[in-house]
Amino acid sequence: MGHWTNTLIRDKLKSTCEELNVSFVEQDSTYRSQRCSCCGIVRSANRKGKLYECKHCSNVIDADLNAALNHKVDLPDLHWSLRGKKFNKGNGFYWLKTGLFNFNGEEFRVPHSQKEDSLL
């Protein structure tokens, strides 16, 4: 039921924005509340309830404010194939404007398949 209600709210908000000629951008919220708005590291252990405490850079902030600040940043999309790999556990990963990087600074690469080539 909750998903159905969210769809109604989103559609009403979108139509109201169109009527008022206001920009409307949908963003996926995956990992945004686990990402540090200061250093960009994503770690599930950093978010505990209403408080966000970054173990990497020592940023301490309200968890909802931290997530809102992350929605303001133009970050690259998280490919569906990376979401289930639980990179947010352990040391975490960096989600920066320039890409996704592991804790050692190596960039994550999205798996490439011939099937994807045929769709281009």
C-alpha atoms as a PDB file:
ATOM      1  CA  MET A   1       0.000   0.000   0.000  1.00  0.00           C
ATOM      2  CA  GLY A   2       2.803   2.431   0.884  1.00  0.00           C
ATOM      3  CA  HIS A   3       4.322   2.172  -2.582  1.00  0.00           C
ATOM      4  CA  TRP A   4       0.935   2.890  -4.166  1.00  0.00           C
ATOM      5  CA  THR A   5       0.544   6.020  -1.996  1.00  0.00           C
ATOM      6  CA  ASN A   6       4.063   7.210  -2.885  1.00  0.00           C
ATOM      7  CA  THR A   7       3.191   6.899  -6.568  1.00  0.00           C
ATOM      8  CA  LEU A   8       0.098   9.085  -6.117  1.00  0.00           C
ATOM      9  CA  ILE A   9       2.080  11.697  -4.203  1.00  0.00           C
ATOM     10  CA  ARG A  10       4.882  11.701  -6.808  1.00  0.00           C
ATOM     11  CA  ASP A  11       2.422  12.027  -9.711  1.00  0.00           C
ATOM     12  CA  LYS A  12       0.527  14.881  -8.020  1.00  0.00           C
ATOM     13  CA  LEU A  13       3.772  16.696  -7.201  1.00  0.00           C
ATOM     14  CA  LYS A  14       5.011  16.232 -10.773  1.00  0.00           C
ATOM     15  CA  SER A  15       1.786  17.551 -12.329  1.00  0.00           C
ATOM     16  CA  THR A  16       1.720  20.537  -9.952  1.00  0.00           C
ATOM     17  CA  CYS A  17       5.324  21.389 -10.866  1.00  0.00           C
ATOM     18  CA  GLU A  18       4.457  21.182 -14.579  1.00  0.00           C
ATOM     19  CA  GLU A  19       1.466  23.503 -14.071  1.00  0.00           C
ATOM     20  CA  LEU A  20       3.659  26.013 -12.236  1.00  0.00           C
ATOM     21  CA  ASN A  21       6.536  25.620 -14.708  1.00  0.00           C
ATOM     22  CA  VAL A  22       8.850  24.438 -11.917  1.00  0.00           C
ATOM     23  CA  SER A  23      11.642  21.955 -12.553  1.00  0.00           C
ATOM     24  CA  PHE A  24      10.950  18.444 -11.224  1.00  0.00           C
ATOM     25  CA  VAL A  25      13.773  15.899 -10.993  1.00  0.00           C
ATOM     26  CA  GLU A  26      13.344  12.371  -9.697  1.00  0.00           C
ATOM     27  CA  GLN A  27      16.333  10.815  -7.949  1.00  0.00           C
ATOM     28  CA  ASP A  28      16.900   7.367  -6.617  1.00  0.00           C
ATOM     29  CA  SER A  29      17.570   7.533  -2.886  1.00  0.00           C
ATOM     30  CA  THR A  30      19.687   4.352  -2.726  1.00  0.00           C
ATOM     31  CA  TYR A  31      22.737   4.952  -0.492  1.00  0.00           C
ATOM     32  CA  ARG A  32      22.109   8.716  -0.238  1.00  0.00           C
ATOM     33  CA  SER A  33      21.495   8.507   3.515  1.00  0.00           C
ATOM     34  CA  GLN A  34      24.642   6.371   3.932  1.00  0.00           C
ATOM     35  CA  ARG A  35      26.885   8.733   1.928  1.00  0.00           C
ATOM     36  CA  CYS A  36      28.918  11.337   3.799  1.00  0.00           C
ATOM     37  CA  SER A  37      28.022  14.773   2.450  1.00  0.00           C
ATOM     38  CA  CYS A  38      31.576  15.949   3.268  1.00  0.00           C
ATOM     39  CA  CYS A  39      33.962  13.254   1.986  1.00  0.00           C
ATOM     40  CA  GLY A  40      31.669  11.116  -0.217  1.00  0.00           C
ATOM     41  CA  ILE A  41      32.271   7.742   1.438  1.00  0.00           C
ATOM     42  CA  VAL A  42      29.317   5.359   1.564  1.00  0.00           C
ATOM     43  CA  ARG A  43      29.214   3.057   4.591  1.00  0.00           C
ATOM     44  CA  SER A  44      26.112   1.591   6.175  1.00  0.00           C
ATOM     45  CA  ALA A  45      27.809   1.665   9.610  1.00  0.00           C
ATOM     46  CA  ASN A  46      27.962   5.485   9.491  1.00  0.00           C
ATOM     47  CA  ARG A  47      24.168   5.872   9.706  1.00  0.00           C
ATOM     48  CA  LYS A  48      22.617   4.914  13.012  1.00  0.00           C
ATOM     49  CA  GLY A  49      19.070   6.169  13.409  1.00  0.00           C
ATOM     50  CA  LYS A  50      18.744   9.954  13.293  1.00  0.00           C
ATOM     51  CA  LEU A  51      22.479  10.625  13.498  1.00  0.00           C
ATOM     52  CA  TYR A  52      25.106  10.295  10.771  1.00  0.00           C
ATOM     53  CA  GLU A  53      28.688   9.870  12.037  1.00  0.00           C
ATOM     54  CA  CYS A  54      31.362   9.437   9.360  1.00  0.00           C
ATOM     55  CA  LYS A  55      34.107   7.143  10.628  1.00  0.00           C
ATOM     56  CA  HIS A  56      36.371   8.395   7.812  1.00  0.00           C
ATOM     57  CA  CYS A  57      36.315  12.198   8.146  1.00  0.00           C
ATOM     58  CA  SER A  58      34.545  12.566  11.539  1.00  0.00           C
ATOM     59  CA  ASN A  59      31.593  14.507  10.075  1.00  0.00           C
ATOM     60  CA  VAL A  60      28.640  14.380  12.523  1.00  0.00           C
ATOM     61  CA  ILE A  61      25.277  15.606  11.220  1.00  0.00           C
ATOM     62  CA  ASP A  62      21.559  14.879  11.388  1.00  0.00           C
ATOM     63  CA  ALA A  63      20.995  11.863   9.121  1.00  0.00           C
ATOM     64  CA  ASP A  64      18.067  13.426   7.224  1.00  0.00           C
ATOM     65  CA  LEU A  65      20.001  16.648   6.607  1.00  0.00           C
ATOM     66  CA  ASN A  66      22.975  14.596   5.392  1.00  0.00           C
ATOM     67  CA  ALA A  67      20.728  12.723   2.914  1.00  0.00           C
ATOM     68  CA  ALA A  68      19.162  16.006   1.718  1.00  0.00           C
ATOM     69  CA  LEU A  69      22.623  17.489   1.099  1.00  0.00           C
ATOM     70  CA  ASN A  70      23.501  14.389  -0.929  1.00  0.00           C
ATOM     71  CA  HIS A  71      20.400  14.879  -3.088  1.00  0.00           C
ATOM     72  CA  LYS A  72      21.695  18.353  -3.999  1.00  0.00           C
ATOM     73  CA  VAL A  73      24.910  16.884  -5.449  1.00  0.00           C
ATOM     74  CA  ASP A  74      24.932  15.793  -9.105  1.00  0.00           C
ATOM     75  CA  LEU A  75      26.260  12.256  -8.618  1.00  0.00           C
ATOM     76  CA  PRO A  76      26.609   9.596 -11.328  1.00  0.00           C
ATOM     77  CA  ASP A  77      23.861   6.988 -11.394  1.00  0.00           C
ATOM     78  CA  LEU A  78      24.424   3.723  -9.576  1.00  0.00           C
ATOM     79  CA  HIS A  79      24.139   0.952 -12.158  1.00  0.00           C
ATOM     80  CA  TRP A  80      21.696  -1.782 -11.137  1.00  0.00           C
ATOM     81  CA  SER A  81      24.468  -4.405 -11.236  1.00  0.00           C
ATOM     82  CA  LEU A  82      26.387  -2.599  -8.461  1.00  0.00           C
ATOM     83  CA  ARG A  83      23.481  -2.255  -6.023  1.00  0.00           C
ATOM     84  CA  GLY A  84      23.312  -5.881  -4.888  1.00  0.00           C
ATOM     85  CA  LYS A  85      27.040  -6.262  -4.282  1.00  0.00           C
ATOM     86  CA  LYS A  86      26.908  -4.648  -0.817  1.00  0.00           C
ATOM     87  CA  PHE A  87      29.893  -2.382  -1.409  1.00  0.00           C
ATOM     88  CA  ASN A  88      28.464  -0.189   1.378  1.00  0.00           C
ATOM     89  CA  LYS A  89      29.481  -2.799   3.968  1.00  0.00           C
ATOM     90  CA  GLY A  90      32.960  -3.039   5.496  1.00  0.00           C
ATOM     91  CA  ASN A  91      35.194  -0.126   4.431  1.00  0.00           C
ATOM     92  CA  GLY A  92      32.564   1.181   2.029  1.00  0.00           C
ATOM     93  CA  PHE A  93      33.145   3.017  -1.244  1.00  0.00           C
ATOM     94  CA  TYR A  94      33.470   6.581  -2.494  1.00  0.00           C
ATOM     95  CA  TRP A  95      30.588   8.030  -4.499  1.00  0.00           C
ATOM     96  CA  LEU A  96      31.935  11.225  -6.025  1.00  0.00           C
ATOM     97  CA  LYS A  97      30.933  13.494  -8.920  1.00  0.00           C
ATOM     98  CA  THR A  98      33.755  11.860 -10.891  1.00  0.00           C
ATOM     99  CA  GLY A  99      32.579   8.274 -10.325  1.00  0.00           C
ATOM    100  CA  LEU A 100      32.464   5.344  -7.923  1.00  0.00           C
ATOM    101  CA  PHE A 101      35.685   4.200  -6.276  1.00  0.00           C
ATOM    102  CA  ASN A 102      36.627   1.463  -3.836  1.00  0.00           C
ATOM    103  CA  PHE A 103      38.391   2.269  -0.566  1.00  0.00           C
ATOM    104  CA  ASN A 104      41.785   1.942  -2.345  1.00  0.00           C
ATOM    105  CA  GLY A 105      40.828   4.555  -4.943  1.00  0.00           C
ATOM    106  CA  GLU A 106      40.232   2.146  -7.847  1.00  0.00           C
ATOM    107  CA  GLU A 107      37.218   3.016  -9.990  1.00  0.00           C
ATOM    108  CA  PHE A 108      34.296   0.582 -10.134  1.00  0.00           C
ATOM    109  CA  ARG A 109      33.555  -0.559 -13.640  1.00  0.00           C
ATOM    110  CA  VAL A 110      30.089  -1.598 -14.708  1.00  0.00           C
ATOM    111  CA  PRO A 111      30.076  -5.058 -16.309  1.00  0.00           C
ATOM    112  CA  HIS A 112      29.870  -4.789 -20.078  1.00  0.00           C
ATOM    113  CA  SER A 113      28.053  -7.360 -22.163  1.00  0.00           C
ATOM    114  CA  GLN A 114      27.479  -8.035 -25.848  1.00  0.00           C
ATOM    115  CA  LYS A 115      23.741  -7.856 -25.186  1.00  0.00           C
ATOM    116  CA  GLU A 116      24.128  -4.203 -24.112  1.00  0.00           C
ATOM    117  CA  ASP A 117      26.087  -3.513 -27.332  1.00  0.00           C
ATOM    118  CA  SER A 118      23.194  -4.798 -29.438  1.00  0.00           C
ATOM    119  CA  LEU A 119      20.853  -2.341 -27.737  1.00  0.00           C
ATOM    120  CA  LEU A 120      22.962   0.695 -28.731  1.00  0.00           C
END
